[in-house]
Amino acid sequence: MVVLIVNSSPRVGGNCDLITDFIASRFEREGLRVDVVKLREFRISPCMGCRECLVRASCIINDDMKVLIEKLLKCRALIIVTPVYFNNVPSILKAFIDRTWCIRGRLRNKVGAVVVIGRRYGHELAINAVISFYLKHDMIVGTRGIALYAYEKGDVVNDREGLKDIERMVYRVIELLRIVEGGITSLGNLR
């Protein structure tokens, strides 16, 4: 099973990068394959609203989103890690979300979780944006969303409660993956 972690921070070496690495290490420790994507490394144009994807079943825009769509279709779980920008998600994540319209119906029953990092405000709106994306695609929402508090680079490691929430999120996502795949029904069998 592949877990795709999408980091939407434009900031290199910041809190989202630290948490992305932390989450990846937790899934790998449990034996899952992890694919990490940093959206800042991809060229993603905004959706043009042309509706050609309704006719062609693919987007007509020729950019790096084609690579990202392949990754989305291959993964079994999607974890989005995002900073808070103006009380919501950054524009690159919104462009990514909008551009998945061409694969609607094809992410059904994949497990999704979200981790939002910011100062002291805007977490809920960012979490809601990502969870709405998951629900629009009929995905299984694994948690209510994790809110981590940080501002300066590296601050996130001081949010001990948030790091514990991430540990619980990882186990919940694994539990849901096994249920969806027809396996166990509780984490009690894993420990």
N, C-alpha and C. Protein backbone atom coordinates (compact mmCIF):
# COMPACT_ATOMS: atom_id res chain seq x y z
N MET A 1 0.84 -1.18 0.00
CA MET A 1 0.00 0.00 0.00
C MET A 1 0.88 1.24 0.00
N VAL A 2 0.56 2.18 -0.86
CA VAL A 2 1.34 3.40 -0.96
C VAL A 2 0.60 4.53 -0.26
N VAL A 3 1.32 5.24 0.61
CA VAL A 3 0.81 6.44 1.25
C VAL A 3 1.46 7.62 0.54
N LEU A 4 0.66 8.50 -0.02
CA LEU A 4 1.14 9.70 -0.68
C LEU A 4 1.02 10.86 0.29
N ILE A 5 2.15 11.52 0.57
CA ILE A 5 2.14 12.70 1.42
C ILE A 5 2.39 13.90 0.53
N VAL A 6 1.44 14.84 0.51
CA VAL A 6 1.55 16.04 -0.29
C VAL A 6 1.83 17.22 0.64
N ASN A 7 2.99 17.82 0.47
CA ASN A 7 3.40 18.98 1.26
C ASN A 7 3.16 20.21 0.40
N SER A 8 2.31 21.12 0.85
CA SER A 8 1.95 22.27 0.03
C SER A 8 2.65 23.56 0.43
N SER A 9 3.68 23.46 1.24
CA SER A 9 4.38 24.68 1.66
C SER A 9 5.38 25.14 0.61
N PRO A 10 5.36 26.43 0.28
CA PRO A 10 6.38 26.96 -0.62
C PRO A 10 7.71 27.19 0.09
N ARG A 11 7.74 27.06 1.39
CA ARG A 11 8.90 27.36 2.21
C ARG A 11 9.81 26.13 2.33
N VAL A 12 11.05 26.25 1.88
CA VAL A 12 12.02 25.16 1.94
C VAL A 12 12.58 25.07 3.36
N GLY A 13 12.60 23.83 3.90
CA GLY A 13 13.19 23.60 5.21
C GLY A 13 12.37 24.12 6.37
N GLY A 14 11.10 24.41 6.14
CA GLY A 14 10.26 24.95 7.20
C GLY A 14 9.53 23.87 7.99
N ASN A 15 8.53 24.30 8.72
CA ASN A 15 7.78 23.40 9.59
C ASN A 15 7.05 22.29 8.84
N CYS A 16 6.50 22.61 7.68
CA CYS A 16 5.82 21.57 6.89
C CYS A 16 6.79 20.49 6.43
N ASP A 17 8.02 20.88 6.06
CA ASP A 17 9.02 19.90 5.67
C ASP A 17 9.37 18.99 6.84
N LEU A 18 9.54 19.58 8.02
CA LEU A 18 9.85 18.78 9.22
C LEU A 18 8.74 17.77 9.51
N ILE A 19 7.51 18.23 9.46
CA ILE A 19 6.38 17.36 9.78
C ILE A 19 6.16 16.31 8.69
N THR A 20 6.38 16.68 7.44
CA THR A 20 6.27 15.71 6.35
C THR A 20 7.25 14.56 6.57
N ASP A 21 8.48 14.89 6.91
CA ASP A 21 9.49 13.86 7.19
C ASP A 21 9.09 13.01 8.39
N PHE A 22 8.55 13.65 9.43
CA PHE A 22 8.10 12.95 10.64
C PHE A 22 7.00 11.94 10.30
N ILE A 23 6.01 12.39 9.53
CA ILE A 23 4.90 11.51 9.15
C ILE A 23 5.40 10.36 8.28
N ALA A 24 6.24 10.67 7.31
CA ALA A 24 6.78 9.63 6.43
C ALA A 24 7.51 8.57 7.23
N SER A 25 8.31 8.99 8.19
CA SER A 25 9.07 8.03 9.00
C SER A 25 8.14 7.13 9.81
N ARG A 26 7.02 7.66 10.27
CA ARG A 26 6.07 6.86 11.06
C ARG A 26 5.40 5.80 10.20
N PHE A 27 5.00 6.16 8.99
CA PHE A 27 4.40 5.16 8.10
C PHE A 27 5.43 4.12 7.68
N GLU A 28 6.64 4.55 7.37
CA GLU A 28 7.70 3.61 6.97
C GLU A 28 8.03 2.66 8.11
N ARG A 29 8.03 3.14 9.33
CA ARG A 29 8.29 2.31 10.51
C ARG A 29 7.26 1.19 10.62
N GLU A 30 6.04 1.46 10.12
CA GLU A 30 4.97 0.46 10.16
C GLU A 30 4.95 -0.41 8.90
N GLY A 31 5.94 -0.23 8.03
CA GLY A 31 6.09 -1.09 6.87
C GLY A 31 5.35 -0.65 5.61
N LEU A 32 4.85 0.57 5.59
CA LEU A 32 4.15 1.06 4.40
C LEU A 32 5.12 1.82 3.50
N ARG A 33 4.85 1.76 2.21
CA ARG A 33 5.63 2.54 1.24
C ARG A 33 5.09 3.97 1.23
N VAL A 34 6.01 4.93 1.19
CA VAL A 34 5.63 6.33 1.24
C VAL A 34 6.19 7.05 0.02
N ASP A 35 5.36 7.88 -0.57
CA ASP A 35 5.78 8.75 -1.67
C ASP A 35 5.52 10.18 -1.20
N VAL A 36 6.57 11.00 -1.15
CA VAL A 36 6.44 12.38 -0.70
C VAL A 36 6.52 13.31 -1.90
N VAL A 37 5.56 14.22 -1.96
CA VAL A 37 5.50 15.22 -3.02
C VAL A 37 5.51 16.60 -2.37
N LYS A 38 6.41 17.45 -2.84
CA LYS A 38 6.42 18.86 -2.41
C LYS A 38 5.91 19.67 -3.59
N LEU A 39 4.72 20.23 -3.45
CA LEU A 39 4.08 20.91 -4.57
C LEU A 39 4.94 22.03 -5.14
N ARG A 40 5.79 22.64 -4.33
CA ARG A 40 6.64 23.73 -4.82
C ARG A 40 7.62 23.28 -5.90
N GLU A 41 7.82 21.97 -6.01
CA GLU A 41 8.73 21.43 -7.01
C GLU A 41 8.03 21.10 -8.33
N PHE A 42 6.75 21.39 -8.41
CA PHE A 42 5.96 21.08 -9.60
C PHE A 42 5.34 22.35 -10.18
N ARG A 43 5.16 22.34 -11.46
CA ARG A 43 4.48 23.45 -12.15
C ARG A 43 3.01 23.07 -12.28
N ILE A 44 2.16 23.76 -11.51
CA ILE A 44 0.72 23.48 -11.51
C ILE A 44 -0.02 24.76 -11.88
N SER A 45 -0.61 24.75 -13.05
CA SER A 45 -1.42 25.89 -13.49
C SER A 45 -2.80 25.81 -12.87
N PRO A 46 -3.45 26.96 -12.70
CA PRO A 46 -4.82 26.91 -12.16
C PRO A 46 -5.80 26.33 -13.18
N CYS A 47 -6.87 25.78 -12.68
CA CYS A 47 -7.94 25.27 -13.54
C CYS A 47 -8.52 26.44 -14.34
N MET A 48 -8.81 26.19 -15.61
CA MET A 48 -9.37 27.23 -16.48
C MET A 48 -10.89 27.16 -16.53
N GLY A 49 -11.47 26.14 -15.94
CA GLY A 49 -12.92 26.00 -15.97
C GLY A 49 -13.46 25.75 -17.37
N CYS A 50 -12.65 25.16 -18.23
CA CYS A 50 -13.06 24.94 -19.63
C CYS A 50 -14.02 23.76 -19.78
N ARG A 51 -14.04 22.89 -18.79
CA ARG A 51 -14.91 21.72 -18.76
C ARG A 51 -14.58 20.67 -19.82
N GLU A 52 -13.42 20.80 -20.44
CA GLU A 52 -12.99 19.80 -21.42
C GLU A 52 -12.80 18.43 -20.78
N CYS A 53 -12.48 18.41 -19.48
CA CYS A 53 -12.28 17.12 -18.80
C CYS A 53 -13.57 16.31 -18.76
N LEU A 54 -14.71 16.98 -18.86
CA LEU A 54 -15.98 16.26 -18.91
C LEU A 54 -16.12 15.48 -20.21
N VAL A 55 -15.47 15.96 -21.26
CA VAL A 55 -15.53 15.32 -22.56
C VAL A 55 -14.40 14.30 -22.71
N ARG A 56 -13.20 14.69 -22.29
CA ARG A 56 -12.01 13.88 -22.53
C ARG A 56 -11.63 12.96 -21.37
N ALA A 57 -12.18 13.16 -20.19
CA ALA A 57 -11.81 12.42 -18.98
C ALA A 57 -10.35 12.65 -18.59
N SER A 58 -9.79 13.76 -19.05
CA SER A 58 -8.45 14.17 -18.63
C SER A 58 -8.37 15.68 -18.84
N CYS A 59 -7.43 16.28 -18.16
CA CYS A 59 -7.26 17.73 -18.24
C CYS A 59 -6.46 18.09 -19.50
N ILE A 60 -6.84 19.20 -20.14
CA ILE A 60 -6.13 19.62 -21.36
C ILE A 60 -4.88 20.45 -21.05
N ILE A 61 -4.72 20.88 -19.81
CA ILE A 61 -3.55 21.69 -19.45
C ILE A 61 -2.33 20.78 -19.40
N ASN A 62 -1.29 21.18 -20.08
CA ASN A 62 -0.07 20.38 -20.14
C ASN A 62 0.95 20.92 -19.14
N ASP A 63 0.93 20.35 -17.93
CA ASP A 63 1.89 20.74 -16.90
C ASP A 63 2.17 19.54 -16.01
N ASP A 64 2.78 19.76 -14.86
CA ASP A 64 3.20 18.66 -13.99
C ASP A 64 2.05 17.97 -13.26
N MET A 65 0.86 18.48 -13.39
CA MET A 65 -0.29 17.86 -12.73
C MET A 65 -0.51 16.45 -13.26
N LYS A 66 -0.11 16.18 -14.49
CA LYS A 66 -0.25 14.82 -15.04
C LYS A 66 0.51 13.81 -14.19
N VAL A 67 1.71 14.17 -13.75
CA VAL A 67 2.52 13.30 -12.89
C VAL A 67 1.83 13.12 -11.54
N LEU A 68 1.31 14.21 -11.00
CA LEU A 68 0.66 14.15 -9.70
C LEU A 68 -0.63 13.34 -9.74
N ILE A 69 -1.36 13.42 -10.83
CA ILE A 69 -2.58 12.62 -10.96
C ILE A 69 -2.24 11.13 -10.98
N GLU A 70 -1.16 10.76 -11.66
CA GLU A 70 -0.73 9.35 -11.64
C GLU A 70 -0.44 8.89 -10.22
N LYS A 71 0.22 9.74 -9.45
CA LYS A 71 0.52 9.40 -8.05
C LYS A 71 -0.76 9.28 -7.22
N LEU A 72 -1.70 10.18 -7.44
CA LEU A 72 -2.97 10.11 -6.73
C LEU A 72 -3.72 8.82 -7.03
N LEU A 73 -3.71 8.42 -8.28
CA LEU A 73 -4.43 7.21 -8.67
C LEU A 73 -3.77 5.96 -8.12
N LYS A 74 -2.45 5.96 -7.92
CA LYS A 74 -1.73 4.79 -7.42
C LYS A 74 -1.80 4.65 -5.90
N CYS A 75 -1.93 5.74 -5.18
CA CYS A 75 -1.86 5.67 -3.72
C CYS A 75 -3.13 5.05 -3.14
N ARG A 76 -3.02 4.58 -1.91
CA ARG A 76 -4.20 4.09 -1.17
C ARG A 76 -4.61 5.10 -0.10
N ALA A 77 -3.64 5.93 0.33
CA ALA A 77 -3.93 6.96 1.33
C ALA A 77 -3.24 8.24 0.90
N LEU A 78 -3.89 9.36 1.20
CA LEU A 78 -3.36 10.68 0.87
C LEU A 78 -3.34 11.51 2.14
N ILE A 79 -2.15 11.98 2.49
CA ILE A 79 -1.99 12.87 3.64
C ILE A 79 -1.55 14.22 3.09
N ILE A 80 -2.32 15.26 3.37
CA ILE A 80 -1.93 16.60 2.95
C ILE A 80 -1.41 17.36 4.16
N VAL A 81 -0.21 17.91 4.01
CA VAL A 81 0.41 18.75 5.03
C VAL A 81 0.45 20.16 4.45
N THR A 82 -0.15 21.10 5.17
CA THR A 82 -0.24 22.45 4.63
C THR A 82 -0.06 23.52 5.69
N PRO A 83 0.56 24.63 5.31
CA PRO A 83 0.57 25.78 6.21
C PRO A 83 -0.76 26.54 6.08
N VAL A 84 -0.99 27.42 7.03
CA VAL A 84 -2.14 28.32 6.96
C VAL A 84 -1.68 29.59 6.25
N TYR A 85 -2.39 29.95 5.19
CA TYR A 85 -2.14 31.21 4.47
C TYR A 85 -3.44 32.00 4.45
N PHE A 86 -3.44 33.17 5.03
CA PHE A 86 -4.63 34.02 5.08
C PHE A 86 -5.86 33.20 5.50
N ASN A 87 -5.71 32.47 6.59
CA ASN A 87 -6.80 31.67 7.18
C ASN A 87 -7.30 30.55 6.28
N ASN A 88 -6.44 30.06 5.39
CA ASN A 88 -6.85 28.96 4.51
C ASN A 88 -5.60 28.27 3.98
N VAL A 89 -5.75 27.52 2.91
CA VAL A 89 -4.62 26.82 2.30
C VAL A 89 -3.90 27.75 1.32
N PRO A 90 -2.62 27.49 1.05
CA PRO A 90 -1.92 28.31 0.06
C PRO A 90 -2.45 28.06 -1.35
N SER A 91 -2.21 29.01 -2.23
CA SER A 91 -2.77 28.95 -3.58
C SER A 91 -2.34 27.72 -4.36
N ILE A 92 -1.11 27.24 -4.14
CA ILE A 92 -0.66 26.07 -4.90
C ILE A 92 -1.47 24.83 -4.53
N LEU A 93 -1.88 24.72 -3.27
CA LEU A 93 -2.71 23.59 -2.87
C LEU A 93 -4.11 23.74 -3.47
N LYS A 94 -4.63 24.94 -3.50
CA LYS A 94 -5.95 25.15 -4.10
C LYS A 94 -5.92 24.81 -5.59
N ALA A 95 -4.83 25.18 -6.28
CA ALA A 95 -4.71 24.83 -7.70
C ALA A 95 -4.66 23.31 -7.87
N PHE A 96 -3.90 22.64 -7.00
CA PHE A 96 -3.81 21.17 -7.01
C PHE A 96 -5.20 20.56 -6.83
N ILE A 97 -5.93 21.03 -5.82
CA ILE A 97 -7.26 20.51 -5.53
C ILE A 97 -8.18 20.72 -6.74
N ASP A 98 -8.20 21.93 -7.27
CA ASP A 98 -9.08 22.23 -8.40
C ASP A 98 -8.78 21.35 -9.60
N ARG A 99 -7.53 21.07 -9.82
CA ARG A 99 -7.12 20.31 -11.01
C ARG A 99 -7.43 18.82 -10.91
N THR A 100 -7.87 18.35 -9.75
CA THR A 100 -8.25 16.94 -9.63
C THR A 100 -9.67 16.68 -10.12
N TRP A 101 -10.36 17.71 -10.54
CA TRP A 101 -11.73 17.52 -11.01
C TRP A 101 -11.79 16.51 -12.16
N CYS A 102 -10.74 16.47 -12.96
CA CYS A 102 -10.73 15.55 -14.12
C CYS A 102 -10.68 14.08 -13.71
N ILE A 103 -10.39 13.78 -12.44
CA ILE A 103 -10.36 12.38 -11.99
C ILE A 103 -11.46 12.10 -10.97
N ARG A 104 -12.49 12.93 -10.98
CA ARG A 104 -13.58 12.72 -10.01
C ARG A 104 -14.13 11.31 -10.15
N GLY A 105 -14.40 10.72 -9.00
CA GLY A 105 -14.89 9.35 -8.97
C GLY A 105 -13.79 8.31 -8.92
N ARG A 106 -12.56 8.70 -9.18
CA ARG A 106 -11.46 7.73 -9.23
C ARG A 106 -10.62 7.71 -7.95
N LEU A 107 -10.95 8.57 -6.98
CA LEU A 107 -10.27 8.55 -5.69
C LEU A 107 -11.15 7.94 -4.61
N ARG A 108 -12.30 7.46 -5.02
CA ARG A 108 -13.28 6.89 -4.10
C ARG A 108 -12.65 5.82 -3.20
N ASN A 109 -12.94 5.91 -1.91
CA ASN A 109 -12.51 4.97 -0.88
C ASN A 109 -11.02 4.97 -0.59
N LYS A 110 -10.29 5.94 -1.11
CA LYS A 110 -8.92 6.14 -0.63
C LYS A 110 -9.05 6.86 0.71
N VAL A 111 -8.08 6.65 1.58
CA VAL A 111 -8.13 7.24 2.92
C VAL A 111 -7.39 8.57 2.89
N GLY A 112 -7.99 9.59 3.49
CA GLY A 112 -7.38 10.91 3.52
C GLY A 112 -7.24 11.45 4.93
N ALA A 113 -6.16 12.19 5.16
CA ALA A 113 -5.95 12.88 6.43
C ALA A 113 -5.24 14.19 6.13
N VAL A 114 -5.38 15.14 7.05
CA VAL A 114 -4.79 16.47 6.84
C VAL A 114 -4.10 16.95 8.11
N VAL A 115 -2.93 17.59 7.89
CA VAL A 115 -2.18 18.22 8.98
C VAL A 115 -1.96 19.67 8.57
N VAL A 116 -2.40 20.58 9.43
CA VAL A 116 -2.30 22.01 9.15
C VAL A 116 -1.39 22.66 10.19
N ILE A 117 -0.48 23.50 9.71
CA ILE A 117 0.48 24.15 10.60
C ILE A 117 0.36 25.66 10.45
N GLY A 118 0.21 26.34 11.57
CA GLY A 118 0.12 27.80 11.53
C GLY A 118 0.28 28.40 12.91
N ARG A 119 0.17 29.69 12.94
CA ARG A 119 0.42 30.43 14.17
C ARG A 119 -0.67 30.17 15.21
N ARG A 120 -1.77 30.83 15.17
CA ARG A 120 -2.84 30.64 16.15
C ARG A 120 -4.23 30.82 15.56
N TYR A 121 -4.33 30.90 14.24
CA TYR A 121 -5.62 31.17 13.62
C TYR A 121 -5.64 30.58 12.21
N GLY A 122 -6.85 30.28 11.73
CA GLY A 122 -7.01 29.80 10.37
C GLY A 122 -6.93 28.30 10.19
N HIS A 123 -6.58 27.58 11.22
CA HIS A 123 -6.44 26.13 11.10
C HIS A 123 -7.74 25.46 10.63
N GLU A 124 -8.85 25.84 11.25
CA GLU A 124 -10.12 25.18 10.95
C GLU A 124 -10.53 25.37 9.49
N LEU A 125 -10.35 26.58 8.95
CA LEU A 125 -10.74 26.81 7.56
C LEU A 125 -9.86 26.01 6.61
N ALA A 126 -8.57 25.91 6.91
CA ALA A 126 -7.66 25.11 6.08
C ALA A 126 -8.03 23.63 6.16
N ILE A 127 -8.29 23.15 7.36
CA ILE A 127 -8.71 21.76 7.53
C ILE A 127 -10.00 21.50 6.75
N ASN A 128 -10.97 22.40 6.87
CA ASN A 128 -12.23 22.23 6.16
C ASN A 128 -12.05 22.21 4.65
N ALA A 129 -11.13 23.02 4.13
CA ALA A 129 -10.88 23.03 2.68
C ALA A 129 -10.39 21.66 2.21
N VAL A 130 -9.48 21.06 2.97
CA VAL A 130 -8.93 19.76 2.57
C VAL A 130 -9.96 18.65 2.77
N ILE A 131 -10.66 18.66 3.88
CA ILE A 131 -11.68 17.63 4.11
C ILE A 131 -12.80 17.74 3.07
N SER A 132 -13.16 18.94 2.68
CA SER A 132 -14.16 19.11 1.62
C SER A 132 -13.68 18.51 0.31
N PHE A 133 -12.40 18.68 0.01
CA PHE A 133 -11.79 18.06 -1.17
C PHE A 133 -11.92 16.54 -1.10
N TYR A 134 -11.59 15.96 0.06
CA TYR A 134 -11.71 14.51 0.23
C TYR A 134 -13.16 14.05 0.03
N LEU A 135 -14.07 14.74 0.66
CA LEU A 135 -15.47 14.34 0.56
C LEU A 135 -16.01 14.49 -0.86
N LYS A 136 -15.57 15.51 -1.57
CA LYS A 136 -16.00 15.70 -2.97
C LYS A 136 -15.60 14.50 -3.82
N HIS A 137 -14.47 13.87 -3.46
CA HIS A 137 -13.99 12.71 -4.19
C HIS A 137 -14.44 11.38 -3.58
N ASP A 138 -15.37 11.42 -2.63
CA ASP A 138 -15.86 10.21 -1.95
C ASP A 138 -14.75 9.43 -1.28
N MET A 139 -13.78 10.15 -0.74
CA MET A 139 -12.70 9.50 0.00
C MET A 139 -13.15 9.27 1.44
N ILE A 140 -12.42 8.44 2.15
CA ILE A 140 -12.68 8.16 3.56
C ILE A 140 -11.81 9.10 4.38
N VAL A 141 -12.44 9.94 5.17
CA VAL A 141 -11.70 10.90 5.99
C VAL A 141 -11.25 10.18 7.26
N GLY A 142 -9.93 10.12 7.43
CA GLY A 142 -9.37 9.33 8.53
C GLY A 142 -9.37 10.01 9.88
N THR A 143 -9.34 11.32 9.91
CA THR A 143 -9.35 12.07 11.17
C THR A 143 -10.06 13.40 10.94
N ARG A 144 -10.33 14.07 12.02
CA ARG A 144 -10.99 15.39 11.91
C ARG A 144 -10.01 16.46 11.47
N GLY A 145 -8.73 16.13 11.39
CA GLY A 145 -7.68 17.07 11.01
C GLY A 145 -6.79 17.37 12.19
N ILE A 146 -5.50 17.48 11.92
CA ILE A 146 -4.52 17.76 12.97
C ILE A 146 -4.08 19.21 12.83
N ALA A 147 -4.17 19.98 13.91
CA ALA A 147 -3.72 21.37 13.94
C ALA A 147 -2.43 21.45 14.75
N LEU A 148 -1.37 21.90 14.12
CA LEU A 148 -0.09 22.12 14.80
C LEU A 148 0.19 23.61 14.87
N TYR A 149 0.82 24.04 15.95
CA TYR A 149 1.07 25.45 16.17
C TYR A 149 2.56 25.76 16.05
N ALA A 150 2.86 26.65 15.09
CA ALA A 150 4.25 27.06 14.86
C ALA A 150 4.24 28.31 14.00
N TYR A 151 5.33 29.05 14.06
CA TYR A 151 5.47 30.22 13.20
C TYR A 151 6.87 30.27 12.60
N GLU A 152 7.88 30.35 13.43
CA GLU A 152 9.26 30.37 12.94
C GLU A 152 9.68 28.96 12.54
N LYS A 153 10.65 28.88 11.64
CA LYS A 153 11.17 27.57 11.22
C LYS A 153 11.61 26.78 12.45
N GLY A 154 11.13 25.53 12.51
CA GLY A 154 11.52 24.64 13.59
C GLY A 154 10.62 24.66 14.80
N ASP A 155 9.74 25.66 14.92
CA ASP A 155 8.85 25.77 16.08
C ASP A 155 7.96 24.56 16.26
N VAL A 156 7.63 23.88 15.18
CA VAL A 156 6.64 22.81 15.22
C VAL A 156 7.08 21.65 16.12
N VAL A 157 8.37 21.44 16.29
CA VAL A 157 8.83 20.33 17.14
C VAL A 157 8.50 20.56 18.60
N ASN A 158 8.12 21.79 18.96
CA ASN A 158 7.75 22.09 20.34
C ASN A 158 6.28 21.79 20.63
N ASP A 159 5.50 21.49 19.61
CA ASP A 159 4.08 21.17 19.79
C ASP A 159 3.95 19.68 20.08
N ARG A 160 4.26 19.30 21.30
CA ARG A 160 4.27 17.89 21.70
C ARG A 160 2.90 17.23 21.55
N GLU A 161 1.86 17.94 21.91
CA GLU A 161 0.51 17.39 21.78
C GLU A 161 0.18 17.13 20.31
N GLY A 162 0.56 18.06 19.45
CA GLY A 162 0.33 17.90 18.02
C GLY A 162 1.08 16.70 17.45
N LEU A 163 2.31 16.49 17.92
CA LEU A 163 3.10 15.34 17.46
C LEU A 163 2.45 14.03 17.90
N LYS A 164 1.89 14.01 19.10
CA LYS A 164 1.17 12.81 19.55
C LYS A 164 -0.08 12.58 18.69
N ASP A 165 -0.75 13.68 18.32
CA ASP A 165 -1.93 13.56 17.44
C ASP A 165 -1.53 12.95 16.11
N ILE A 166 -0.35 13.30 15.60
CA ILE A 166 0.12 12.72 14.34
C ILE A 166 0.35 11.23 14.49
N GLU A 167 0.93 10.81 15.60
CA GLU A 167 1.12 9.37 15.85
C GLU A 167 -0.22 8.64 15.80
N ARG A 168 -1.23 9.21 16.46
CA ARG A 168 -2.56 8.59 16.45
C ARG A 168 -3.15 8.59 15.04
N MET A 169 -2.92 9.67 14.29
CA MET A 169 -3.42 9.75 12.91
C MET A 169 -2.82 8.64 12.06
N VAL A 170 -1.53 8.41 12.20
CA VAL A 170 -0.85 7.37 11.41
C VAL A 170 -1.49 6.02 11.69
N TYR A 171 -1.71 5.69 12.96
CA TYR A 171 -2.33 4.41 13.28
C TYR A 171 -3.77 4.33 12.79
N ARG A 172 -4.49 5.43 12.83
CA ARG A 172 -5.87 5.43 12.35
C ARG A 172 -5.91 5.22 10.83
N VAL A 173 -5.01 5.87 10.11
CA VAL A 173 -4.96 5.69 8.66
C VAL A 173 -4.63 4.24 8.32
N ILE A 174 -3.67 3.67 9.02
CA ILE A 174 -3.31 2.26 8.79
C ILE A 174 -4.51 1.36 9.08
N GLU A 175 -5.19 1.64 10.17
CA GLU A 175 -6.37 0.85 10.53
C GLU A 175 -7.42 0.91 9.42
N LEU A 176 -7.69 2.09 8.92
CA LEU A 176 -8.69 2.24 7.86
C LEU A 176 -8.23 1.57 6.57
N LEU A 177 -6.96 1.66 6.25
CA LEU A 177 -6.44 0.99 5.05
C LEU A 177 -6.66 -0.52 5.14
N ARG A 178 -6.41 -1.08 6.29
CA ARG A 178 -6.59 -2.52 6.46
C ARG A 178 -8.06 -2.92 6.42
N ILE A 179 -8.91 -2.06 6.94
CA ILE A 179 -10.34 -2.34 6.85
C ILE A 179 -10.79 -2.29 5.40
N VAL A 180 -10.39 -1.25 4.69
CA VAL A 180 -10.77 -1.11 3.28
C VAL A 180 -10.23 -2.26 2.45
N GLU A 181 -9.03 -2.70 2.76
CA GLU A 181 -8.41 -3.80 2.02
C GLU A 181 -8.94 -5.17 2.46
N GLY A 182 -9.87 -5.18 3.43
CA GLY A 182 -10.48 -6.44 3.85
C GLY A 182 -9.72 -7.16 4.94
N GLY A 183 -8.90 -6.42 5.66
CA GLY A 183 -8.08 -7.04 6.70
C GLY A 183 -8.68 -6.92 8.07
N ILE A 184 -7.88 -6.47 9.02
CA ILE A 184 -8.29 -6.41 10.42
C ILE A 184 -9.35 -5.34 10.64
N THR A 185 -9.97 -5.37 11.79
CA THR A 185 -10.99 -4.38 12.11
C THR A 185 -10.58 -3.48 13.27
N SER A 186 -9.41 -3.71 13.89
CA SER A 186 -8.95 -2.78 14.92
C SER A 186 -7.43 -2.84 15.01
N LEU A 187 -6.88 -1.79 15.61
CA LEU A 187 -5.43 -1.72 15.76
C LEU A 187 -4.90 -2.66 16.82
N GLY A 188 -5.79 -3.19 17.64
CA GLY A 188 -5.33 -4.10 18.68
C GLY A 188 -4.49 -5.24 18.15
N ASN A 189 -4.72 -5.68 16.93
CA ASN A 189 -3.96 -6.76 16.33
C ASN A 189 -2.57 -6.33 15.85
N LEU A 190 -2.34 -5.03 15.76
CA LEU A 190 -1.06 -4.53 15.25
C LEU A 190 -0.01 -4.40 16.34
N ARG A 191 -0.44 -4.16 17.54
CA ARG A 191 0.51 -3.81 18.61
C ARG A 191 1.04 -5.01 19.31
